[in-house]
Amino acid sequence: MIDMFKKLIKSDFTRLFALGFAGGTALVFATISGEPASSMANGIAPAAVAASAE
């Protein structure tokens, strides 16, 4: 079982998948951690404003 796991880790697909996943995760965290979520959302859509009551 351990030998099969070692062979799986050594395969190029698994290695590249792990590197891509780690790189993508780092990119997402670097992008999100730069700004608070509220200011990031305001850049995408304007803030909601309630209509006046009649």
N, C-alpha and C. Protein backbone atom coordinates (compact mmCIF):
# COMPACT_ATOMS: atom_id res chain seq x y z
N MET A 1 0.83 -1.19 0.00
CA MET A 1 0.00 0.00 0.00
C MET A 1 0.88 1.26 0.00
N ILE A 2 1.93 1.26 0.80
CA ILE A 2 2.81 2.42 0.88
C ILE A 2 3.57 2.60 -0.43
N ASP A 3 3.96 1.49 -1.07
CA ASP A 3 4.65 1.58 -2.35
C ASP A 3 3.75 2.18 -3.42
N MET A 4 2.47 1.83 -3.37
CA MET A 4 1.52 2.38 -4.34
C MET A 4 1.37 3.89 -4.12
N PHE A 5 1.35 4.32 -2.87
CA PHE A 5 1.25 5.74 -2.55
C PHE A 5 2.49 6.50 -3.03
N LYS A 6 3.66 5.90 -2.85
CA LYS A 6 4.89 6.53 -3.32
C LYS A 6 4.90 6.67 -4.83
N LYS A 7 4.41 5.65 -5.54
CA LYS A 7 4.34 5.73 -7.00
C LYS A 7 3.36 6.81 -7.43
N LEU A 8 2.26 6.95 -6.70
CA LEU A 8 1.26 7.96 -7.02
C LEU A 8 1.84 9.36 -6.85
N ILE A 9 2.60 9.58 -5.80
CA ILE A 9 3.21 10.87 -5.54
C ILE A 9 4.26 11.19 -6.59
N LYS A 10 4.95 10.18 -7.09
CA LYS A 10 6.02 10.40 -8.06
C LYS A 10 5.48 10.72 -9.45
N SER A 11 4.21 10.45 -9.72
CA SER A 11 3.70 10.69 -11.06
C SER A 11 3.64 12.19 -11.35
N ASP A 12 3.88 12.55 -12.59
CA ASP A 12 3.92 13.95 -12.99
C ASP A 12 2.57 14.63 -12.82
N PHE A 13 1.49 13.93 -13.16
CA PHE A 13 0.16 14.51 -13.05
C PHE A 13 -0.15 14.91 -11.61
N THR A 14 0.10 14.02 -10.69
CA THR A 14 -0.19 14.31 -9.28
C THR A 14 0.67 15.45 -8.77
N ARG A 15 1.92 15.46 -9.13
CA ARG A 15 2.83 16.52 -8.69
C ARG A 15 2.40 17.88 -9.25
N LEU A 16 2.08 17.92 -10.54
CA LEU A 16 1.65 19.18 -11.16
C LEU A 16 0.29 19.63 -10.63
N PHE A 17 -0.59 18.68 -10.36
CA PHE A 17 -1.89 19.02 -9.78
C PHE A 17 -1.70 19.63 -8.40
N ALA A 18 -0.85 19.06 -7.59
CA ALA A 18 -0.60 19.59 -6.25
C ALA A 18 0.05 20.97 -6.31
N LEU A 19 1.00 21.16 -7.21
CA LEU A 19 1.64 22.47 -7.36
C LEU A 19 0.64 23.51 -7.87
N GLY A 20 -0.20 23.16 -8.80
CA GLY A 20 -1.22 24.07 -9.31
C GLY A 20 -2.24 24.43 -8.26
N PHE A 21 -2.65 23.45 -7.48
CA PHE A 21 -3.61 23.69 -6.41
C PHE A 21 -3.01 24.62 -5.36
N ALA A 22 -1.77 24.37 -4.97
CA ALA A 22 -1.11 25.21 -3.97
C ALA A 22 -0.90 26.62 -4.51
N GLY A 23 -0.49 26.73 -5.77
CA GLY A 23 -0.29 28.05 -6.37
C GLY A 23 -1.59 28.82 -6.50
N GLY A 24 -2.65 28.16 -6.91
CA GLY A 24 -3.96 28.80 -7.01
C GLY A 24 -4.48 29.25 -5.67
N THR A 25 -4.29 28.42 -4.66
CA THR A 25 -4.72 28.79 -3.31
C THR A 25 -3.95 30.00 -2.82
N ALA A 26 -2.66 30.03 -3.04
CA ALA A 26 -1.85 31.18 -2.63
C ALA A 26 -2.29 32.44 -3.37
N LEU A 27 -2.61 32.33 -4.64
CA LEU A 27 -3.07 33.47 -5.43
C LEU A 27 -4.40 34.00 -4.91
N VAL A 28 -5.32 33.11 -4.59
CA VAL A 28 -6.62 33.53 -4.06
C VAL A 28 -6.45 34.23 -2.72
N PHE A 29 -5.66 33.67 -1.83
CA PHE A 29 -5.46 34.30 -0.53
C PHE A 29 -4.73 35.63 -0.65
N ALA A 30 -3.79 35.74 -1.56
CA ALA A 30 -3.07 37.00 -1.76
C ALA A 30 -4.01 38.06 -2.30
N THR A 31 -4.92 37.68 -3.17
CA THR A 31 -5.87 38.63 -3.74
C THR A 31 -6.88 39.09 -2.72
N ILE A 32 -7.42 38.17 -1.95
CA ILE A 32 -8.47 38.50 -1.00
C ILE A 32 -7.91 39.21 0.23
N SER A 33 -6.75 38.83 0.70
CA SER A 33 -6.24 39.41 1.94
C SER A 33 -5.77 40.85 1.76
N GLY A 34 -5.64 41.33 0.52
CA GLY A 34 -5.20 42.69 0.29
C GLY A 34 -6.25 43.73 0.65
N GLU A 35 -7.53 43.41 0.51
CA GLU A 35 -8.61 44.35 0.77
C GLU A 35 -9.67 43.68 1.62
N PRO A 36 -10.37 44.45 2.42
CA PRO A 36 -11.52 43.87 3.12
C PRO A 36 -12.60 43.47 2.11
N ALA A 37 -13.41 42.52 2.46
CA ALA A 37 -14.41 42.01 1.54
C ALA A 37 -15.44 43.07 1.17
N SER A 38 -15.77 43.97 2.08
CA SER A 38 -16.79 44.97 1.78
C SER A 38 -16.33 45.93 0.69
N SER A 39 -15.08 46.38 0.72
CA SER A 39 -14.61 47.30 -0.31
C SER A 39 -14.45 46.58 -1.64
N MET A 40 -14.13 45.30 -1.60
CA MET A 40 -14.02 44.54 -2.82
C MET A 40 -15.40 44.38 -3.46
N ALA A 41 -16.43 44.17 -2.65
CA ALA A 41 -17.78 44.01 -3.16
C ALA A 41 -18.30 45.33 -3.71
N ASN A 42 -17.95 46.45 -3.11
CA ASN A 42 -18.41 47.75 -3.60
C ASN A 42 -17.83 48.06 -4.97
N GLY A 43 -16.68 47.52 -5.30
CA GLY A 43 -16.12 47.71 -6.61
C GLY A 43 -16.86 46.92 -7.68
N ILE A 44 -17.54 45.86 -7.29
CA ILE A 44 -18.25 45.01 -8.24
C ILE A 44 -19.68 45.50 -8.44
N ALA A 45 -20.38 45.79 -7.36
CA ALA A 45 -21.77 46.23 -7.44
C ALA A 45 -21.96 47.40 -6.47
N PRO A 46 -22.79 48.35 -6.84
CA PRO A 46 -23.03 49.47 -5.93
C PRO A 46 -23.77 49.03 -4.67
N ALA A 47 -23.64 49.82 -3.63
CA ALA A 47 -24.33 49.50 -2.37
C ALA A 47 -25.83 49.61 -2.57
N ALA A 48 -26.56 48.76 -1.90
CA ALA A 48 -28.03 48.77 -1.99
C ALA A 48 -28.58 49.95 -1.19
N VAL A 49 -29.59 50.58 -1.75
CA VAL A 49 -30.24 51.70 -1.08
C VAL A 49 -31.73 51.40 -1.06
N ALA A 50 -32.34 51.53 0.11
CA ALA A 50 -33.77 51.26 0.24
C ALA A 50 -34.59 52.41 -0.33
N ALA A 51 -35.70 52.09 -0.92
CA ALA A 51 -36.61 53.11 -1.45
C ALA A 51 -37.33 53.79 -0.30
N SER A 52 -37.72 55.02 -0.51
CA SER A 52 -38.40 55.74 0.57
C SER A 52 -39.81 55.17 0.76
N ALA A 53 -40.24 55.17 2.00
CA ALA A 53 -41.58 54.63 2.32
C ALA A 53 -42.65 55.64 1.93
N GLU A 54 -43.74 55.18 1.41
CA GLU A 54 -44.84 56.08 1.01
C GLU A 54 -46.00 55.96 1.94
